[in-house]
C-alpha atoms as a PDB file:
ATOM      1  CA  MET A   1    -158.540-147.470 -66.464  1.00  0.00           C
ATOM      2  CA  THR A   2    -156.024-146.983 -63.684  1.00  0.00           C
ATOM      3  CA  LEU A   3    -152.438-148.127 -63.462  1.00  0.00           C
ATOM      4  CA  THR A   4    -150.151-148.744 -60.522  1.00  0.00           C
ATOM      5  CA  LYS A   5    -146.868-146.875 -60.389  1.00  0.00           C
ATOM      6  CA  GLN A   6    -144.995-149.867 -61.818  1.00  0.00           C
ATOM      7  CA  GLU A   7    -147.536-150.328 -64.625  1.00  0.00           C
ATOM      8  CA  PHE A   8    -147.359-146.600 -65.368  1.00  0.00           C
ATOM      9  CA  LEU A   9    -143.561-146.704 -65.564  1.00  0.00           C
ATOM     10  CA  ILE A  10    -143.680-149.624 -67.988  1.00  0.00           C
ATOM     11  CA  SER A  11    -146.444-148.124 -70.160  1.00  0.00           C
ATOM     12  CA  SER A  12    -144.954-144.635 -70.253  1.00  0.00           C
ATOM     13  CA  GLY A  13    -141.342-145.709 -70.680  1.00  0.00           C
ATOM     14  CA  LEU A  14    -140.278-143.254 -67.982  1.00  0.00           C
ATOM     15  CA  ARG A  15    -137.425-143.877 -65.603  1.00  0.00           C
ATOM     16  CA  VAL A  16    -138.199-143.963 -61.883  1.00  0.00           C
ATOM     17  CA  GLN A  17    -136.135-140.815 -61.270  1.00  0.00           C
ATOM     18  CA  THR A  18    -137.997-138.931 -63.971  1.00  0.00           C
ATOM     19  CA  LEU A  19    -141.393-139.937 -62.611  1.00  0.00           C
ATOM     20  CA  GLU A  20    -140.357-139.020 -59.065  1.00  0.00           C
ATOM     21  CA  PHE A  21    -139.253-135.575 -60.260  1.00  0.00           C
ATOM     22  CA  TRP A  22    -142.491-135.024 -62.162  1.00  0.00           C
ATOM     23  CA  LEU A  23    -144.469-136.036 -59.087  1.00  0.00           C
ATOM     24  CA  GLU A  24    -142.431-133.643 -56.909  1.00  0.00           C
ATOM     25  CA  GLN A  25    -143.137-130.868 -59.399  1.00  0.00           C
ATOM     26  CA  ARG A  26    -146.825-131.844 -59.269  1.00  0.00           C
ATOM     27  CA  TRP A  27    -146.893-132.185 -63.049  1.00  0.00           C
ATOM     28  CA  LEU A  28    -148.683-135.494 -62.502  1.00  0.00           C
ATOM     29  CA  LEU A  29    -151.268-135.922 -59.752  1.00  0.00           C
ATOM     30  CA  PRO A  30    -152.215-139.576 -59.404  1.00  0.00           C
ATOM     31  CA  THR A  31    -154.949-140.520 -56.991  1.00  0.00           C
ATOM     32  CA  GLU A  32    -153.866-142.162 -53.767  1.00  0.00           C
ATOM     33  CA  ALA A  33    -155.289-145.549 -52.833  1.00  0.00           C
ATOM     34  CA  ALA A  34    -154.493-148.004 -50.055  1.00  0.00           C
ATOM     35  CA  SER A  35    -152.340-149.914 -52.540  1.00  0.00           C
ATOM     36  CA  GLY A  36    -150.431-146.778 -53.586  1.00  0.00           C
ATOM     37  CA  ALA A  37    -150.606-144.218 -56.380  1.00  0.00           C
ATOM     38  CA  GLN A  38    -153.103-144.893 -59.150  1.00  0.00           C
ATOM     39  CA  PHE A  39    -152.459-143.294 -62.539  1.00  0.00           C
ATOM     40  CA  SER A  40    -155.273-142.544 -64.976  1.00  0.00           C
ATOM     41  CA  ASP A  41    -155.441-142.280 -68.750  1.00  0.00           C
ATOM     42  CA  ALA A  42    -155.263-138.504 -68.275  1.00  0.00           C
ATOM     43  CA  ASP A  43    -152.004-138.928 -66.342  1.00  0.00           C
ATOM     44  CA  MET A  44    -150.623-140.983 -69.216  1.00  0.00           C
ATOM     45  CA  ALA A  45    -151.647-138.345 -71.766  1.00  0.00           C
ATOM     46  CA  ARG A  46    -150.089-135.632 -69.608  1.00  0.00           C
ATOM     47  CA  ALA A  47    -146.846-137.628 -69.284  1.00  0.00           C
ATOM     48  CA  ARG A  48    -146.693-137.982 -73.071  1.00  0.00           C
ATOM     49  CA  LEU A  49    -147.265-134.247 -73.451  1.00  0.00           C
ATOM     50  CA  ILE A  50    -144.490-133.443 -70.969  1.00  0.00           C
ATOM     51  CA  ARG A  51    -142.110-135.842 -72.682  1.00  0.00           C
ATOM     52  CA  ASP A  52    -142.917-134.358 -76.109  1.00  0.00           C
ATOM     53  CA  LEU A  53    -142.511-130.794 -74.863  1.00  0.00           C
ATOM     54  CA  LYS A  54    -139.145-131.609 -73.326  1.00  0.00           C
ATOM     55  CA  SER A  55    -137.664-133.870 -76.000  1.00  0.00           C
ATOM     56  CA  ASP A  56    -139.235-132.623 -79.237  1.00  0.00           C
ATOM     57  CA  LEU A  57    -139.535-128.919 -78.454  1.00  0.00           C
ATOM     58  CA  GLY A  58    -136.751-128.464 -75.906  1.00  0.00           C
ATOM     59  CA  VAL A  59    -138.976-126.817 -73.306  1.00  0.00           C
ATOM     60  CA  ASN A  60    -137.218-126.393 -69.955  1.00  0.00           C
ATOM     61  CA  ASP A  61    -138.738-127.172 -66.539  1.00  0.00           C
ATOM     62  CA  GLU A  62    -139.950-123.609 -65.967  1.00  0.00           C
ATOM     63  CA  GLY A  63    -141.639-123.665 -69.360  1.00  0.00           C
ATOM     64  CA  ILE A  64    -143.318-126.983 -68.531  1.00  0.00           C
ATOM     65  CA  ASP A  65    -144.709-125.387 -65.346  1.00  0.00           C
ATOM     66  CA  VAL A  66    -146.177-122.500 -67.330  1.00  0.00           C
ATOM     67  CA  ILE A  67    -147.590-124.659 -70.114  1.00  0.00           C
ATOM     68  CA  LEU A  68    -149.238-127.133 -67.725  1.00  0.00           C
ATOM     69  CA  HIS A  69    -150.691-124.293 -65.660  1.00  0.00           C
ATOM     70  CA  LEU A  70    -152.200-122.725 -68.790  1.00  0.00           C
ATOM     71  CA  ILE A  71    -153.601-126.068 -69.948  1.00  0.00           C
ATOM     72  CA  ASP A  72    -155.159-126.632 -66.518  1.00  0.00           C
ATOM     73  CA  GLN A  73    -156.704-123.157 -66.624  1.00  0.00           C
ATOM     74  CA  LEU A  74    -158.092-123.810 -70.088  1.00  0.00           C
ATOM     75  CA  HIS A  75    -159.690-127.064 -68.945  1.00  0.00           C
ATOM     76  CA  GLY A  76    -161.167-125.252 -65.937  1.00  0.00           C
ATOM     77  CA  VAL A  77    -162.690-122.566 -68.145  1.00  0.00           C
ATOM     78  CA  ARG A  78    -164.091-125.185 -70.534  1.00  0.00           C
ATOM     79  CA  GLN A  79    -165.660-127.020 -67.603  1.00  0.00           C
ATOM     80  CA  ALA A  80    -167.159-123.784 -66.253  1.00  0.00           C
ATOM     81  CA  PHE A  81    -168.641-122.973 -69.667  1.00  0.00           C
ATOM     82  CA  ALA A  82    -170.108-126.473 -69.934  1.00  0.00           C
ATOM     83  CA  LEU A  83    -171.731-126.129 -66.511  1.00  0.00           C
ATOM     84  CA  MET A  84    -173.090-122.708 -67.432  1.00  0.00           C
ATOM     85  CA  ARG A  85    -174.428-124.006 -70.741  1.00  0.00           C
ATOM     86  CA  ASN A  86    -176.123-126.923 -68.987  1.00  0.00           C
ATOM     87  CA  ALA A  87    -177.674-124.577 -66.426  1.00  0.00           C
ATOM     88  CA  LEU A  88    -178.996-122.328 -69.195  1.00  0.00           C
ATOM     89  CA  ASP A  89    -180.354-125.320 -71.127  1.00  0.00           C
ATOM     90  CA  ASP A  90    -182.242-126.455 -68.021  1.00  0.00           C
ATOM     91  CA  ASP A  91    -184.058-123.135 -67.768  1.00  0.00           C
END
C-alpha cells in the first residue's frame, strides 16, 4: 500500500515541518511519482521507529543517523545472505 504525503502525515501523526526535516535528513525515502511522493508501509514503520527513538529513548539526531545506518546495513546483509542461500539451494 502506498500513501500520498498528506495521507502519510495524517496516518503518522507527524507535523509537516517534522516530515520535511526527516526527508532532508534522508531518514525516509519515499518513491517519487508524477503525483508526488509515495510513502510505503516500510516508510510508516521507519517513521514510527524514529518517533519512538526520539520521544521514548531520547535519541538525538546524530544518534538517529547512526541507528538508521546500522539498520540499513543489517537489512542489506540479510538480503545478501538470502540471495546466497537461494543460489546455493539452486545448485
